[in-house]
């Protein structure tokens, strides 16, 4: 008869399953990866349902609209495709160059607030638009980077990106307003990353 036991060791949850001739061990990282895949599948199904609904409404208004939408979407896709492909290759190279144990130590669950600080610094320094950032972040997330550093990275990239501050914000809005906004939002990415990690831990 199958027997299930669990124990907590160094903030890791280990689940043991034993049966005649079989023995499985799952830690919380494996459980979290399964949850991520399920979330991605659900998101894809929701997007597909929305797309079908929009296509039906467009066809009801004008039968030519769905085809025109496909053409425009195809053009946009071809424009961003090179950047996305390069971003996925870059993410794969990063994942291969950085050993898994090092990544887990600095950006995994065991990294704690240190990982959130590293994610914030990386997001602050990394240039590029969303079509570059999100493939990289998604790949690292799938490799086991914890939720806190991921959210801190994205928040810092959106709020504190140095390249955007120097190239767009200061020239267009002036240094006084730009620096005032920058200083006020400086601690937000770390706070958002930490709070997200706490909520995520309770949810999972």
Protein backbone atom coordinates (compact mmCIF):
# COMPACT_ATOMS: atom_id res chain seq x y z
CA UNK A 1 0.00 0.00 0.00
CA UNK A 2 1.35 3.42 -0.95
CA UNK A 3 2.72 5.43 1.89
CA UNK A 4 3.20 9.20 1.90
CA UNK A 5 5.32 11.11 4.39
CA UNK A 6 6.74 14.61 4.36
CA UNK A 7 9.47 16.44 6.25
CA UNK A 8 10.92 19.93 6.30
CA UNK A 9 14.71 20.23 6.05
CA UNK A 10 16.56 23.51 5.47
CA UNK A 11 13.41 25.24 4.20
CA UNK A 12 12.94 22.52 1.60
CA UNK A 13 9.79 20.41 1.52
CA UNK A 14 10.48 16.81 0.60
CA UNK A 15 7.68 14.43 -0.30
CA UNK A 16 8.44 10.71 -0.22
CA UNK A 17 6.33 8.17 -2.04
CA UNK A 18 7.07 4.49 -1.56
CA UNK A 19 5.41 1.49 -3.10
CA UNK A 20 6.51 -2.07 -3.80
CA UNK A 21 9.52 -1.78 -6.08
CA UNK A 22 9.19 2.00 -6.41
CA UNK A 23 10.49 5.04 -4.51
CA UNK A 24 10.02 8.68 -5.53
CA UNK A 25 11.31 11.86 -3.92
CA UNK A 26 9.91 15.25 -4.92
CA UNK A 27 11.12 18.51 -3.42
CA UNK A 28 9.32 21.83 -3.55
CA UNK A 29 11.33 22.93 -6.61
CA UNK A 30 9.91 20.02 -8.64
CA UNK A 31 6.40 20.73 -7.37
CA UNK A 32 6.78 24.41 -8.27
CA UNK A 33 7.97 23.55 -11.80
CA UNK A 34 4.87 21.43 -12.31
CA UNK A 35 2.71 24.31 -11.10
CA UNK A 36 4.44 26.65 -13.56
CA UNK A 37 3.75 24.34 -16.51
CA UNK A 38 0.12 24.05 -15.47
CA UNK A 39 -0.15 27.85 -15.20
CA UNK A 40 1.34 28.30 -18.69
CA UNK A 41 -1.14 25.78 -20.13
CA UNK A 42 -4.10 27.51 -18.48
CA UNK A 43 -2.89 30.91 -19.73
CA UNK A 44 -2.56 29.58 -23.28
CA UNK A 45 -6.09 28.16 -23.17
CA UNK A 46 -7.49 31.46 -21.86
CA UNK A 47 -5.69 33.42 -24.59
CA UNK A 48 -6.96 30.99 -27.23
CA UNK A 49 -10.54 31.41 -25.97
CA UNK A 50 -10.20 35.22 -26.04
CA UNK A 51 -8.74 35.09 -29.55
CA UNK A 52 -11.58 32.89 -30.83
CA UNK A 53 -14.11 35.25 -29.27
CA UNK A 54 -12.49 38.32 -30.83
CA UNK A 55 -12.26 36.60 -34.22
CA UNK A 56 -15.94 35.68 -34.07
CA UNK A 57 -16.95 39.23 -33.13
CA UNK A 58 -14.75 40.68 -35.89
CA UNK A 59 -16.27 38.30 -38.46
CA UNK A 60 -19.75 39.30 -37.30
CA UNK A 61 -18.91 42.96 -37.91
CA UNK A 62 -17.09 42.39 -41.20
CA UNK A 63 -16.03 39.00 -42.64
CA UNK A 64 -12.82 40.61 -43.92
CA UNK A 65 -11.62 41.76 -40.51
CA UNK A 66 -10.22 38.42 -39.22
CA UNK A 67 -7.98 38.04 -42.28
CA UNK A 68 -6.80 41.63 -41.98
CA UNK A 69 -6.04 41.03 -38.32
CA UNK A 70 -4.01 37.93 -39.17
CA UNK A 71 -2.00 39.92 -41.72
CA UNK A 72 -1.27 42.75 -39.28
CA UNK A 73 -0.44 40.31 -36.51
CA UNK A 74 1.87 38.40 -38.85
CA UNK A 75 3.75 41.59 -39.72
CA UNK A 76 4.19 42.47 -36.05
CA UNK A 77 5.30 38.92 -35.27
CA UNK A 78 7.94 38.97 -38.01
CA UNK A 79 9.25 42.29 -36.70
CA UNK A 80 9.76 41.04 -33.14
CA UNK A 81 10.74 37.46 -34.05
CA UNK A 82 14.51 38.11 -34.48
CA UNK A 83 14.75 39.82 -31.08
CA UNK A 84 12.78 37.02 -29.41
CA UNK A 85 14.90 34.28 -31.01
CA UNK A 86 18.12 36.00 -29.93
CA UNK A 87 16.70 36.48 -26.44
CA UNK A 88 15.86 32.77 -26.10
CA UNK A 89 19.35 31.83 -27.31
CA UNK A 90 20.87 34.27 -24.82
CA UNK A 91 18.76 32.84 -22.00
CA UNK A 92 19.74 29.29 -22.94
CA UNK A 93 23.42 30.23 -22.97
CA UNK A 94 23.11 31.93 -19.58
CA UNK A 95 21.38 28.85 -18.18
CA UNK A 96 24.15 26.60 -19.54
CA UNK A 97 27.01 28.83 -18.45
CA UNK A 98 25.75 29.21 -14.88
CA UNK A 99 25.70 25.86 -13.02
CA UNK A 100 22.34 24.94 -11.55
CA UNK A 101 23.66 24.77 -7.99
CA UNK A 102 25.14 28.27 -8.32
CA UNK A 103 21.88 29.59 -9.75
CA UNK A 104 19.91 28.02 -6.92
CA UNK A 105 22.29 29.36 -4.30
CA UNK A 106 22.10 32.94 -5.56
CA UNK A 107 18.62 33.13 -7.12
CA UNK A 108 16.69 30.10 -5.84
CA UNK A 109 14.44 29.76 -2.81
CA UNK A 110 17.40 29.42 -0.48
CA UNK A 111 18.85 32.77 -1.62
CA UNK A 112 16.18 34.72 0.28
CA UNK A 113 16.45 38.51 0.24
CA UNK A 114 19.94 38.30 -1.27
CA UNK A 115 18.41 36.84 -4.45
CA UNK A 116 15.86 39.65 -4.55
CA UNK A 117 18.67 42.24 -4.33
CA UNK A 118 20.56 40.49 -7.15
CA UNK A 119 17.41 40.41 -9.29
CA UNK A 120 16.87 44.12 -8.65
CA UNK A 121 20.44 45.00 -9.65
CA UNK A 122 20.24 42.87 -12.80
CA UNK A 123 16.94 44.46 -13.86
CA UNK A 124 18.35 47.93 -13.24
CA UNK A 125 21.35 47.31 -15.50
CA UNK A 126 19.82 45.17 -18.28
CA UNK A 127 18.74 47.03 -21.45
CA UNK A 128 16.13 45.91 -23.95
CA UNK A 129 12.38 45.96 -24.46
CA UNK A 130 9.74 43.48 -23.28
CA UNK A 131 10.23 41.17 -26.27
CA UNK A 132 13.84 40.69 -25.14
CA UNK A 133 13.31 40.67 -21.38
CA UNK A 134 10.41 38.27 -20.99
CA UNK A 135 11.89 35.34 -22.96
CA UNK A 136 15.05 35.60 -20.85
CA UNK A 137 13.10 35.85 -17.60
CA UNK A 138 10.77 32.99 -18.60
CA UNK A 139 13.69 30.70 -19.40
CA UNK A 140 15.45 31.45 -16.12
CA UNK A 141 12.18 30.99 -14.23
CA UNK A 142 11.73 27.58 -15.79
CA UNK A 143 15.26 26.69 -14.70
CA UNK A 144 14.28 27.27 -11.07
CA UNK A 145 14.96 30.94 -10.33
CA UNK A 146 12.64 31.85 -7.47
CA UNK A 147 9.60 34.10 -7.78
CA UNK A 148 11.01 36.92 -5.64
CA UNK A 149 14.12 37.58 -7.78
CA UNK A 150 12.08 37.25 -10.99
CA UNK A 151 9.51 39.84 -9.89
CA UNK A 152 12.24 42.12 -8.49
CA UNK A 153 14.07 41.89 -11.83
CA UNK A 154 10.99 42.80 -13.86
CA UNK A 155 10.03 45.60 -11.47
CA UNK A 156 13.54 47.08 -11.53
CA UNK A 157 13.67 46.83 -15.32
CA UNK A 158 10.33 48.66 -15.59
CA UNK A 159 10.98 51.32 -12.93
CA UNK A 160 14.74 51.78 -12.70
CA UNK A 161 16.26 50.85 -16.06
CA UNK A 162 19.41 52.96 -16.40
CA UNK A 163 19.34 52.99 -20.21
CA UNK A 164 15.75 54.28 -20.28
CA UNK A 165 16.58 56.93 -17.68
CA UNK A 166 19.57 58.24 -19.64
CA UNK A 167 18.25 57.89 -23.18
CA UNK A 168 14.58 58.84 -22.83
CA UNK A 169 13.57 60.12 -19.42
CA UNK A 170 16.16 62.79 -18.63
CA UNK A 171 16.30 64.23 -22.19
CA UNK A 172 12.47 64.42 -22.45
CA UNK A 173 11.37 65.18 -18.87
CA UNK A 174 14.42 66.91 -17.47
CA UNK A 175 16.90 65.71 -14.87
CA UNK A 176 15.03 67.10 -11.83
CA UNK A 177 11.72 65.28 -12.42
CA UNK A 178 13.50 62.15 -13.65
CA UNK A 179 15.82 61.88 -10.65
CA UNK A 180 13.00 62.68 -8.23
CA UNK A 181 10.90 59.83 -9.66
CA UNK A 182 13.92 57.54 -9.71
CA UNK A 183 14.81 58.14 -6.06
CA UNK A 184 11.20 57.75 -4.89
CA UNK A 185 10.82 54.37 -6.64
CA UNK A 186 14.30 53.08 -5.79
CA UNK A 187 13.18 50.64 -3.10
CA UNK A 188 9.99 49.46 -4.80
CA UNK A 189 11.42 46.50 -6.79
CA UNK A 190 12.92 44.88 -3.68
CA UNK A 191 9.73 45.44 -1.69
CA UNK A 192 7.56 44.08 -4.51
CA UNK A 193 9.84 41.05 -4.95
CA UNK A 194 9.83 40.29 -1.22
CA UNK A 195 6.04 40.65 -0.86
CA UNK A 196 5.43 38.53 -3.96
CA UNK A 197 7.68 35.80 -2.57
CA UNK A 198 5.77 35.78 0.72
CA UNK A 199 2.39 35.55 -1.01
CA UNK A 200 3.70 32.87 -3.40
CA UNK A 201 5.05 30.77 -0.54
CA UNK A 202 1.65 30.84 1.16
CA UNK A 203 -0.14 29.95 -2.08
CA UNK A 204 2.10 26.97 -2.82
